C-alpha atoms as a PDB file:
ATOM      1  CA  MET A   1      58.934  24.940 -80.332  1.00  0.00           C
ATOM      2  CA  ARG A   2      61.009  24.293 -77.190  1.00  0.00           C
ATOM      3  CA  GLN A   3      61.020  21.472 -74.688  1.00  0.00           C
ATOM      4  CA  PHE A   4      59.778  22.215 -71.161  1.00  0.00           C
ATOM      5  CA  PRO A   5      61.164  22.598 -68.523  1.00  0.00           C
ATOM      6  CA  ASN A   6      64.646  22.686 -70.130  1.00  0.00           C
ATOM      7  CA  VAL A   7      63.788  25.178 -72.871  1.00  0.00           C
ATOM      8  CA  ASN A   8      67.400  25.495 -74.026  1.00  0.00           C
ATOM      9  CA  GLU A   9      67.888  21.762 -74.674  1.00  0.00           C
ATOM     10  CA  GLY A  10      65.736  21.437 -77.773  1.00  0.00           C
ATOM     11  CA  GLN A  11      64.158  23.548 -80.464  1.00  0.00           C
ATOM     12  CA  TRP A  12      62.088  22.390 -83.419  1.00  0.00           C
ATOM     13  CA  LEU A  13      61.013  24.378 -86.452  1.00  0.00           C
ATOM     14  CA  VAL A  14      57.269  24.033 -87.015  1.00  0.00           C
ATOM     15  CA  SER A  15      56.777  26.776 -89.644  1.00  0.00           C
ATOM     16  CA  ASN A  16      59.172  28.238 -92.223  1.00  0.00           C
ATOM     17  CA  GLU A  17      57.026  31.365 -92.578  1.00  0.00           C
ATOM     18  CA  GLY A  18      56.532  32.253 -88.936  1.00  0.00           C
ATOM     19  CA  GLY A  19      53.480  32.071 -86.732  1.00  0.00           C
ATOM     20  CA  SER A  20      51.934  33.127 -83.456  1.00  0.00           C
ATOM     21  CA  ARG A  21      49.116  32.298 -81.027  1.00  0.00           C
ATOM     22  CA  ARG A  22      49.909  28.623 -80.663  1.00  0.00           C
ATOM     23  CA  ARG A  23      47.373  26.204 -79.192  1.00  0.00           C
ATOM     24  CA  TRP A  24      47.618  22.481 -78.636  1.00  0.00           C
ATOM     25  CA  ALA A  25      44.777  20.212 -79.707  1.00  0.00           C
ATOM     26  CA  PRO A  26      43.140  18.693 -76.623  1.00  0.00           C
ATOM     27  CA  ASP A  27      44.537  15.243 -77.477  1.00  0.00           C
ATOM     28  CA  GLY A  28      48.073  16.630 -77.986  1.00  0.00           C
ATOM     29  CA  GLY A  29      48.279  15.299 -81.547  1.00  0.00           C
ATOM     30  CA  GLU A  30      48.169  18.656 -83.334  1.00  0.00           C
ATOM     31  CA  LEU A  31      49.482  22.136 -82.893  1.00  0.00           C
ATOM     32  CA  PHE A  32      47.435  25.091 -84.186  1.00  0.00           C
ATOM     33  CA  TYR A  33      48.870  28.523 -84.920  1.00  0.00           C
ATOM     34  CA  LEU A  34      48.161  31.762 -86.774  1.00  0.00           C
ATOM     35  CA  ALA A  35      50.331  32.188 -89.881  1.00  0.00           C
ATOM     36  CA  PRO A  36      50.970  35.391 -91.842  1.00  0.00           C
ATOM     37  CA  GLY A  37      48.005  36.384 -93.985  1.00  0.00           C
ATOM     38  CA  SER A  38      45.483  35.678 -91.193  1.00  0.00           C
ATOM     39  CA  ARG A  39      45.590  31.915 -91.796  1.00  0.00           C
ATOM     40  CA  LEU A  40      44.888  29.393 -89.048  1.00  0.00           C
ATOM     41  CA  MET A  41      47.148  26.378 -89.522  1.00  0.00           C
ATOM     42  CA  ALA A  42      47.308  22.849 -88.099  1.00  0.00           C
ATOM     43  CA  VAL A  43      50.456  20.739 -87.776  1.00  0.00           C
ATOM     44  CA  PRO A  44      50.257  17.067 -86.781  1.00  0.00           C
ATOM     45  CA  VAL A  45      52.908  16.177 -84.209  1.00  0.00           C
ATOM     46  CA  GLU A  46      54.506  12.939 -83.048  1.00  0.00           C
ATOM     47  CA  THR A  47      55.378  13.008 -79.348  1.00  0.00           C
ATOM     48  CA  GLU A  48      55.825   9.318 -78.466  1.00  0.00           C
ATOM     49  CA  SER A  49      59.603   9.151 -79.017  1.00  0.00           C
ATOM     50  CA  GLY A  50      60.533  12.828 -78.945  1.00  0.00           C
ATOM     51  CA  PHE A  51      58.998  15.621 -80.947  1.00  0.00           C
ATOM     52  CA  ALA A  52      58.484  15.439 -84.725  1.00  0.00           C
ATOM     53  CA  PRO A  53      56.208  17.940 -86.484  1.00  0.00           C
ATOM     54  CA  GLY A  54      54.467  17.011 -89.741  1.00  0.00           C
ATOM     55  CA  ASN A  55      53.422  19.278 -92.610  1.00  0.00           C
ATOM     56  CA  ALA A  56      51.229  22.295 -91.873  1.00  0.00           C
ATOM     57  CA  THR A  57      47.729  22.490 -93.362  1.00  0.00           C
ATOM     58  CA  GLU A  58      45.671  25.659 -93.706  1.00  0.00           C
ATOM     59  CA  LEU A  59      42.360  25.341 -91.852  1.00  0.00           C
ATOM     60  CA  PHE A  60      40.879  28.826 -92.168  1.00  0.00           C
ATOM     61  CA  ARG A  61      41.667  32.110 -93.879  1.00  0.00           C
ATOM     62  CA  GLY A  62      40.365  35.487 -92.767  1.00  0.00           C
ATOM     63  CA  TYR A  63      40.927  34.966 -89.059  1.00  0.00           C
ATOM     64  CA  TYR A  64      40.874  38.238 -87.083  1.00  0.00           C
ATOM     65  CA  ALA A  65      44.352  39.018 -85.798  1.00  0.00           C
ATOM     66  CA  GLY A  66      43.941  42.625 -84.614  1.00  0.00           C
ATOM     67  CA  TYR A  67      43.928  41.799 -80.897  1.00  0.00           C
ATOM     68  CA  ASP A  68      46.993  40.591 -78.997  1.00  0.00           C
ATOM     69  CA  GLY A  69      45.136  38.331 -76.583  1.00  0.00           C
ATOM     70  CA  ARG A  70      43.626  34.902 -76.994  1.00  0.00           C
ATOM     71  CA  THR A  71      41.239  35.279 -79.926  1.00  0.00           C
ATOM     72  CA  TYR A  72      40.425  31.663 -80.778  1.00  0.00           C
ATOM     73  CA  ASP A  73      39.995  28.376 -78.999  1.00  0.00           C
ATOM     74  CA  VAL A  74      39.597  24.702 -79.848  1.00  0.00           C
ATOM     75  CA  SER A  75      36.663  22.567 -78.713  1.00  0.00           C
ATOM     76  CA  PRO A  76      37.384  19.687 -76.301  1.00  0.00           C
ATOM     77  CA  ASP A  77      37.003  17.162 -79.147  1.00  0.00           C
ATOM     78  CA  GLY A  78      39.419  19.146 -81.351  1.00  0.00           C
ATOM     79  CA  GLU A  79      36.898  19.314 -84.204  1.00  0.00           C
ATOM     80  CA  ARG A  80      35.503  22.858 -83.840  1.00  0.00           C
ATOM     81  CA  PHE A  81      36.906  26.332 -83.302  1.00  0.00           C
ATOM     82  CA  LEU A  82      35.514  29.459 -81.710  1.00  0.00           C
ATOM     83  CA  MET A  83      37.076  32.446 -83.423  1.00  0.00           C
ATOM     84  CA  VAL A  84      36.554  35.992 -84.586  1.00  0.00           C
ATOM     85  CA  LYS A  85      36.459  36.362 -88.361  1.00  0.00           C
ATOM     86  CA  GLU A  86      37.759  39.430 -90.188  1.00  0.00           C
ATOM     87  CA  ASN A  87      35.283  42.087 -91.224  1.00  0.00           C
ATOM     88  CA  ALA A  88      33.879  41.612 -94.740  1.00  0.00           C
ATOM     89  CA  GLY A  89      34.755  45.224 -95.572  1.00  0.00           C
ATOM     90  CA  ASP A  90      31.376  46.820 -94.896  1.00  0.00           C
ATOM     91  CA  GLY A  91      32.793  48.927 -92.058  1.00  0.00           C
ATOM     92  CA  GLN A  92      30.529  47.356 -89.445  1.00  0.00           C
ATOM     93  CA  LYS A  93      32.282  46.499 -86.176  1.00  0.00           C
ATOM     94  CA  ASP A  94      29.419  44.953 -84.185  1.00  0.00           C
ATOM     95  CA  PHE A  95      29.953  41.856 -82.105  1.00  0.00           C
ATOM     96  CA  ILE A  96      26.889  39.776 -81.259  1.00  0.00           C
ATOM     97  CA  LEU A  97      26.949  37.492 -78.237  1.00  0.00           C
ATOM     98  CA  VAL A  98      23.971  35.177 -77.834  1.00  0.00           C
ATOM     99  CA  LEU A  99      23.313  33.971 -74.304  1.00  0.00           C
ATOM    100  CA  ASN A 100      20.965  31.079 -73.598  1.00  0.00           C
ATOM    101  CA  TRP A 101      21.164  30.106 -77.276  1.00  0.00           C
ATOM    102  CA  HIS A 102      19.933  26.618 -76.477  1.00  0.00           C
ATOM    103  CA  GLU A 103      16.611  28.051 -75.257  1.00  0.00           C
ATOM    104  CA  GLN A 104      16.343  30.218 -78.358  1.00  0.00           C
ATOM    105  CA  LEU A 105      17.049  27.185 -80.551  1.00  0.00           C
ATOM    106  CA  LYS A 106      14.297  25.194 -78.811  1.00  0.00           C
ATOM    107  CA  ARG A 107      11.905  28.094 -79.410  1.00  0.00           C
ATOM    108  CA  LEU A 108      12.843  28.460 -83.089  1.00  0.00           C
ATOM    109  CA  VAL A 109      13.039  24.737 -83.874  1.00  0.00           C
ATOM    110  CA  PRO A 110      10.552  22.925 -81.642  1.00  0.00           C
ATOM    111  CA  THR A 111      10.993  19.184 -81.330  1.00  0.00           C
ATOM    112  CA  ASP A 112       7.341  18.579 -80.463  1.00  0.00           C
ATOM    113  CA  PRO A 113       5.491  17.982 -83.789  1.00  0.00           C
ATOM    114  CA  SER A 114       2.265  19.401 -82.308  1.00  0.00           C
ATOM    115  CA  VAL A 115       3.929  22.813 -81.839  1.00  0.00           C
ATOM    116  CA  HIS A 116       3.816  24.974 -84.996  1.00  0.00           C
END
């Protein structure tokens, strides 16, 4: 981790085993990254009086890392992730995108008790 805009003035080690695809939590209190072994990690950080990383915790295993671009994101509340999971080994490579899922949910789970 380096300080911006003077990237040569400070460096902090966040992971002893390496990592990539860093993302900040929306509130700035955590740093997420992909560790070796397809593990998504979270590190709490203190930024009030400088930068001090805490201990990393594994959040997920089996994260898909085969694409070089942005392959996961964090929800605005920092509690949920949108990510691609590794294939279970069945050889299937389909990707399903559901549009208008809210309408489908209303159809499948009606809130009106008279609708069955």
